[in-house]
Amino acid sequence: MDIVFQLHDKLIPIEVKSTATFNPELLANIRYFQKLVGERAPFGLLVYTGPHEQLIDNIHVVNFRNLHAMLERVREQLQ
């Protein structure tokens, strides 16, 4: 896990990859972290250089240029 963003009692795991090609294997570390901490990690973020953004299960796949906006939405959701 590259970054763990904490807000109150919630932990948001963030994995950063330099690839522009999405591969489901990129979600493995986030899923493992979520399994370890349970409900404290309601969702995660995979940040990469690719153009396609999507939600897979409870993991947001976002382009690095949009990370700031996504973190703002996360903060709003958890308050």
Protein backbone atom coordinates (compact mmCIF):
# COMPACT_ATOMS: atom_id res chain seq x y z
CA MET A 1 0.00 0.00 0.00
CA ASP A 2 1.47 3.34 -1.02
CA ILE A 3 -0.71 5.70 1.03
CA VAL A 4 -3.31 5.30 3.76
CA PHE A 5 -5.53 8.36 4.07
CA GLN A 6 -7.11 8.59 7.52
CA LEU A 7 -10.25 10.56 8.20
CA HIS A 8 -11.73 10.15 11.66
CA ASP A 9 -11.84 6.39 12.26
CA LYS A 10 -11.83 5.46 8.54
CA LEU A 11 -8.80 4.38 6.54
CA ILE A 12 -8.68 4.84 2.78
CA PRO A 13 -6.00 2.72 1.10
CA ILE A 14 -4.45 4.31 -1.98
CA GLU A 15 -2.33 2.38 -4.45
CA VAL A 16 -0.37 4.42 -7.02
CA LYS A 17 0.75 2.84 -10.30
CA SER A 18 2.64 4.38 -13.21
CA THR A 19 0.86 2.25 -15.79
CA ALA A 20 -1.72 3.55 -18.25
CA THR A 21 -3.22 0.08 -18.68
CA PHE A 22 -5.66 -1.21 -16.11
CA ASN A 23 -5.29 -4.78 -14.93
CA PRO A 24 -7.48 -6.28 -12.17
CA GLU A 25 -4.32 -7.54 -10.44
CA LEU A 26 -3.56 -3.90 -9.57
CA LEU A 27 -6.37 -4.09 -6.99
CA ALA A 28 -4.79 -6.94 -5.00
CA ASN A 29 -3.00 -4.83 -2.37
CA ILE A 30 -6.07 -2.70 -1.71
CA ARG A 31 -8.26 -5.76 -1.31
CA TYR A 32 -5.75 -7.34 1.06
CA PHE A 33 -5.62 -4.17 3.19
CA GLN A 34 -9.42 -3.99 3.28
CA LYS A 35 -9.56 -7.61 4.38
CA LEU A 36 -7.16 -6.86 7.25
CA VAL A 37 -8.95 -3.77 8.59
CA GLY A 38 -12.54 -4.61 7.67
CA GLU A 39 -15.15 -1.86 7.85
CA ARG A 40 -12.54 0.75 8.73
CA ALA A 41 -11.67 0.79 4.99
CA PRO A 42 -15.06 1.27 3.30
CA PHE A 43 -13.43 1.83 -0.10
CA GLY A 44 -10.05 2.29 -1.74
CA LEU A 45 -8.42 4.21 -4.54
CA LEU A 46 -6.23 2.97 -7.37
CA VAL A 47 -4.45 5.92 -8.96
CA TYR A 48 -2.90 5.35 -12.37
CA THR A 49 -2.06 7.21 -15.60
CA GLY A 50 -4.80 5.66 -17.72
CA PRO A 51 -7.77 7.59 -19.10
CA HIS A 52 -10.60 5.34 -17.91
CA GLU A 53 -12.10 5.87 -14.48
CA GLN A 54 -14.41 3.33 -12.93
CA LEU A 55 -15.71 1.84 -9.72
CA ILE A 56 -14.90 -1.83 -9.21
CA ASP A 57 -16.63 -3.28 -6.17
CA ASN A 58 -15.69 -0.63 -3.61
CA ILE A 59 -12.46 0.54 -5.25
CA HIS A 60 -12.35 3.74 -7.31
CA VAL A 61 -9.93 3.60 -10.25
CA VAL A 62 -8.93 7.18 -11.06
CA ASN A 63 -6.47 9.06 -13.23
CA PHE A 64 -3.77 10.80 -11.20
CA ARG A 65 -4.90 14.19 -12.52
CA ASN A 66 -8.26 13.71 -10.80
CA LEU A 67 -6.96 12.49 -7.45
CA HIS A 68 -7.51 15.82 -5.69
CA ALA A 69 -11.17 15.95 -6.71
CA MET A 70 -11.68 12.34 -5.66
CA LEU A 71 -10.14 12.97 -2.23
CA GLU A 72 -12.50 15.91 -1.77
CA ARG A 73 -15.48 13.64 -2.55
CA VAL A 74 -14.14 11.04 -0.11
CA ARG A 75 -13.83 13.65 2.62
CA GLU A 76 -17.39 14.83 2.02
CA GLN A 77 -18.76 11.28 2.07
CA LEU A 78 -17.08 10.42 5.37
CA GLN A 79 -18.11 13.53 7.29
